[in-house]
N, C-alpha and C. Protein backbone atom coordinates (compact mmCIF):
# COMPACT_ATOMS: atom_id res chain seq x y z
N MET A 1 -23.52 -68.37 -5.36
CA MET A 1 -22.56 -67.31 -5.09
C MET A 1 -21.73 -67.71 -3.87
N GLU A 2 -20.48 -67.37 -3.90
CA GLU A 2 -19.59 -67.69 -2.80
C GLU A 2 -19.93 -66.88 -1.55
N ARG A 3 -19.67 -67.48 -0.42
CA ARG A 3 -19.94 -66.83 0.87
C ARG A 3 -19.24 -65.47 0.95
N LYS A 4 -18.03 -65.41 0.48
CA LYS A 4 -17.25 -64.16 0.52
C LYS A 4 -17.97 -63.05 -0.27
N LEU A 5 -18.55 -63.41 -1.39
CA LEU A 5 -19.26 -62.42 -2.20
C LEU A 5 -20.54 -61.94 -1.52
N TYR A 6 -21.24 -62.86 -0.86
CA TYR A 6 -22.43 -62.47 -0.10
C TYR A 6 -22.04 -61.50 1.01
N LYS A 7 -20.95 -61.81 1.66
CA LYS A 7 -20.48 -60.94 2.74
C LYS A 7 -20.15 -59.55 2.21
N GLN A 8 -19.50 -59.48 1.06
CA GLN A 8 -19.18 -58.18 0.46
C GLN A 8 -20.45 -57.43 0.08
N LEU A 9 -21.42 -58.14 -0.44
CA LEU A 9 -22.69 -57.53 -0.82
C LEU A 9 -23.41 -56.94 0.40
N TRP A 10 -23.50 -57.73 1.47
CA TRP A 10 -24.17 -57.25 2.67
C TRP A 10 -23.39 -56.11 3.30
N LYS A 11 -22.08 -56.16 3.24
CA LYS A 11 -21.28 -55.06 3.80
C LYS A 11 -21.57 -53.77 3.04
N ALA A 12 -21.65 -53.84 1.74
CA ALA A 12 -21.96 -52.65 0.94
C ALA A 12 -23.36 -52.13 1.27
N ARG A 13 -24.30 -53.02 1.44
CA ARG A 13 -25.67 -52.62 1.79
C ARG A 13 -25.71 -51.93 3.16
N PHE A 14 -25.07 -52.56 4.15
CA PHE A 14 -25.08 -51.99 5.50
C PHE A 14 -24.34 -50.66 5.55
N GLU A 15 -23.25 -50.54 4.83
CA GLU A 15 -22.52 -49.27 4.80
C GLU A 15 -23.37 -48.16 4.18
N LYS A 16 -24.12 -48.51 3.13
CA LYS A 16 -25.01 -47.53 2.51
C LYS A 16 -26.12 -47.14 3.48
N MET A 17 -26.67 -48.13 4.18
CA MET A 17 -27.70 -47.84 5.18
C MET A 17 -27.15 -46.91 6.26
N LEU A 18 -25.94 -47.16 6.71
CA LEU A 18 -25.34 -46.34 7.75
C LEU A 18 -25.17 -44.90 7.27
N THR A 19 -24.71 -44.74 6.05
CA THR A 19 -24.56 -43.41 5.47
C THR A 19 -25.90 -42.68 5.42
N LEU A 20 -26.93 -43.36 4.96
CA LEU A 20 -28.25 -42.75 4.85
C LEU A 20 -28.82 -42.38 6.22
N GLU A 21 -28.63 -43.24 7.20
CA GLU A 21 -29.13 -42.95 8.54
C GLU A 21 -28.41 -41.74 9.14
N LYS A 22 -27.11 -41.66 8.93
CA LYS A 22 -26.35 -40.52 9.45
C LYS A 22 -26.77 -39.23 8.76
N GLU A 23 -27.01 -39.30 7.47
CA GLU A 23 -27.49 -38.12 6.74
C GLU A 23 -28.87 -37.71 7.24
N GLY A 24 -29.73 -38.69 7.49
CA GLY A 24 -31.06 -38.40 8.01
C GLY A 24 -30.99 -37.73 9.37
N LEU A 25 -30.13 -38.24 10.24
CA LEU A 25 -29.96 -37.64 11.57
C LEU A 25 -29.51 -36.19 11.44
N LYS A 26 -28.56 -35.94 10.58
CA LYS A 26 -28.07 -34.56 10.38
C LYS A 26 -29.20 -33.66 9.90
N THR A 27 -30.01 -34.15 8.99
CA THR A 27 -31.14 -33.37 8.47
C THR A 27 -32.11 -33.01 9.59
N TYR A 28 -32.46 -33.99 10.41
CA TYR A 28 -33.40 -33.73 11.50
C TYR A 28 -32.80 -32.80 12.55
N GLN A 29 -31.52 -32.94 12.83
CA GLN A 29 -30.87 -32.03 13.78
C GLN A 29 -30.89 -30.60 13.24
N ASP A 30 -30.66 -30.44 11.95
CA ASP A 30 -30.72 -29.11 11.34
C ASP A 30 -32.14 -28.53 11.42
N LEU A 31 -33.14 -29.36 11.19
CA LEU A 31 -34.52 -28.90 11.29
C LEU A 31 -34.87 -28.48 12.72
N ILE A 32 -34.37 -29.22 13.69
CA ILE A 32 -34.60 -28.87 15.09
C ILE A 32 -33.99 -27.51 15.41
N LYS A 33 -32.79 -27.28 14.92
CA LYS A 33 -32.14 -25.97 15.12
C LYS A 33 -32.97 -24.87 14.47
N ASP A 34 -33.47 -25.12 13.27
CA ASP A 34 -34.29 -24.12 12.57
C ASP A 34 -35.57 -23.82 13.36
N CYS A 35 -36.15 -24.83 13.98
CA CYS A 35 -37.38 -24.62 14.76
C CYS A 35 -37.14 -23.64 15.90
N SER A 36 -36.00 -23.74 16.53
CA SER A 36 -35.73 -22.86 17.67
C SER A 36 -35.41 -21.43 17.22
N LYS A 37 -35.05 -21.25 15.97
CA LYS A 37 -34.70 -19.92 15.45
C LYS A 37 -35.89 -19.17 14.87
N LYS A 38 -36.88 -19.89 14.39
CA LYS A 38 -37.99 -19.26 13.68
C LYS A 38 -39.17 -19.04 14.61
N GLU A 39 -39.59 -17.80 14.69
CA GLU A 39 -40.67 -17.41 15.61
C GLU A 39 -41.94 -18.22 15.40
N ASN A 40 -42.38 -18.37 14.16
CA ASN A 40 -43.64 -19.07 13.91
C ASN A 40 -43.56 -20.54 14.31
N LEU A 41 -42.37 -21.13 14.27
CA LEU A 41 -42.24 -22.54 14.67
C LEU A 41 -42.10 -22.67 16.19
N ARG A 42 -41.57 -21.65 16.84
CA ARG A 42 -41.45 -21.71 18.30
C ARG A 42 -42.83 -21.71 18.96
N GLN A 43 -43.82 -21.20 18.26
CA GLN A 43 -45.18 -21.18 18.80
C GLN A 43 -45.84 -22.55 18.74
N HIS A 44 -45.21 -23.50 18.06
CA HIS A 44 -45.75 -24.86 17.93
C HIS A 44 -44.69 -25.86 18.42
N PRO A 45 -44.55 -26.00 19.74
CA PRO A 45 -43.50 -26.88 20.28
C PRO A 45 -43.67 -28.35 19.88
N ALA A 46 -44.86 -28.76 19.50
CA ALA A 46 -45.07 -30.16 19.12
C ALA A 46 -44.24 -30.52 17.89
N ILE A 47 -44.04 -29.56 17.01
CA ILE A 47 -43.24 -29.82 15.81
C ILE A 47 -41.82 -30.19 16.21
N GLN A 48 -41.24 -29.38 17.09
CA GLN A 48 -39.87 -29.67 17.52
C GLN A 48 -39.80 -30.98 18.30
N LEU A 49 -40.79 -31.24 19.14
CA LEU A 49 -40.80 -32.51 19.89
C LEU A 49 -40.86 -33.71 18.96
N ASN A 50 -41.68 -33.62 17.92
CA ASN A 50 -41.76 -34.71 16.95
C ASN A 50 -40.45 -34.90 16.21
N LEU A 51 -39.82 -33.79 15.83
CA LEU A 51 -38.53 -33.89 15.14
C LEU A 51 -37.47 -34.50 16.06
N GLU A 52 -37.51 -34.15 17.33
CA GLU A 52 -36.55 -34.71 18.28
C GLU A 52 -36.76 -36.22 18.43
N GLN A 53 -38.02 -36.65 18.41
CA GLN A 53 -38.30 -38.09 18.50
C GLN A 53 -37.78 -38.82 17.26
N VAL A 54 -37.98 -38.23 16.10
CA VAL A 54 -37.48 -38.84 14.87
C VAL A 54 -35.95 -38.90 14.89
N ALA A 55 -35.32 -37.84 15.40
CA ALA A 55 -33.86 -37.84 15.50
C ALA A 55 -33.38 -38.96 16.43
N GLU A 56 -34.09 -39.17 17.53
CA GLU A 56 -33.73 -40.27 18.43
C GLU A 56 -33.90 -41.62 17.73
N ASP A 57 -34.94 -41.75 16.93
CA ASP A 57 -35.12 -42.97 16.16
C ASP A 57 -33.96 -43.19 15.20
N GLU A 58 -33.52 -42.12 14.55
CA GLU A 58 -32.39 -42.22 13.63
C GLU A 58 -31.13 -42.67 14.37
N LYS A 59 -30.93 -42.18 15.58
CA LYS A 59 -29.77 -42.61 16.39
C LYS A 59 -29.84 -44.10 16.68
N ARG A 60 -31.04 -44.58 16.98
CA ARG A 60 -31.20 -46.02 17.23
C ARG A 60 -30.94 -46.83 15.96
N HIS A 61 -31.38 -46.30 14.84
CA HIS A 61 -31.13 -46.99 13.56
C HIS A 61 -29.63 -47.07 13.29
N ILE A 62 -28.91 -46.00 13.58
CA ILE A 62 -27.46 -45.99 13.38
C ILE A 62 -26.82 -47.08 14.22
N LYS A 63 -27.22 -47.18 15.49
CA LYS A 63 -26.65 -48.21 16.36
C LYS A 63 -26.95 -49.61 15.84
N LEU A 64 -28.17 -49.81 15.35
CA LEU A 64 -28.55 -51.13 14.82
C LEU A 64 -27.69 -51.50 13.61
N VAL A 65 -27.52 -50.56 12.70
CA VAL A 65 -26.72 -50.84 11.50
C VAL A 65 -25.26 -51.09 11.90
N GLU A 66 -24.76 -50.34 12.86
CA GLU A 66 -23.39 -50.57 13.33
C GLU A 66 -23.26 -51.97 13.93
N GLU A 67 -24.29 -52.40 14.65
CA GLU A 67 -24.28 -53.77 15.21
C GLU A 67 -24.31 -54.81 14.09
N LEU A 68 -25.12 -54.56 13.08
CA LEU A 68 -25.17 -55.48 11.94
C LEU A 68 -23.81 -55.59 11.25
N LEU A 69 -23.16 -54.46 11.09
CA LEU A 69 -21.81 -54.47 10.49
C LEU A 69 -20.82 -55.24 11.36
N ALA A 70 -20.92 -55.06 12.66
CA ALA A 70 -20.02 -55.77 13.57
C ALA A 70 -20.25 -57.28 13.48
N ILE A 71 -21.52 -57.68 13.44
CA ILE A 71 -21.84 -59.11 13.30
C ILE A 71 -21.30 -59.64 11.97
N LEU A 72 -21.51 -58.89 10.93
CA LEU A 72 -21.03 -59.30 9.61
C LEU A 72 -19.51 -59.45 9.59
N ASN A 73 -18.83 -58.52 10.22
CA ASN A 73 -17.36 -58.56 10.23
C ASN A 73 -16.81 -59.74 11.03
N ARG A 74 -17.61 -60.26 11.95
CA ARG A 74 -17.18 -61.43 12.73
C ARG A 74 -17.38 -62.74 11.95
N GLN A 75 -18.14 -62.70 10.89
CA GLN A 75 -18.44 -63.89 10.11
C GLN A 75 -17.22 -64.31 9.28
N PRO A 76 -17.00 -65.59 9.17
CA PRO A 76 -15.90 -66.06 8.32
C PRO A 76 -16.23 -65.82 6.84
N ASP A 77 -15.20 -65.72 6.05
CA ASP A 77 -15.39 -65.51 4.60
C ASP A 77 -15.84 -66.76 3.91
């Protein structure tokens, strides 16, 4: 396969990964908001703390995928 085609393939993969990571972050942020609104969940702060940690992980994943895309875009065709 030509180098250009490999580059297109990896770009599509990384863009899909970025989309999924951003969707995951949004989901966890929504869950965190729900935790603060619901009385029964406010009584268990560990749940919210765990969700916040996962959200931070998702943010790091987003940065990593963005870096991968930047590296890929610097590669010659």
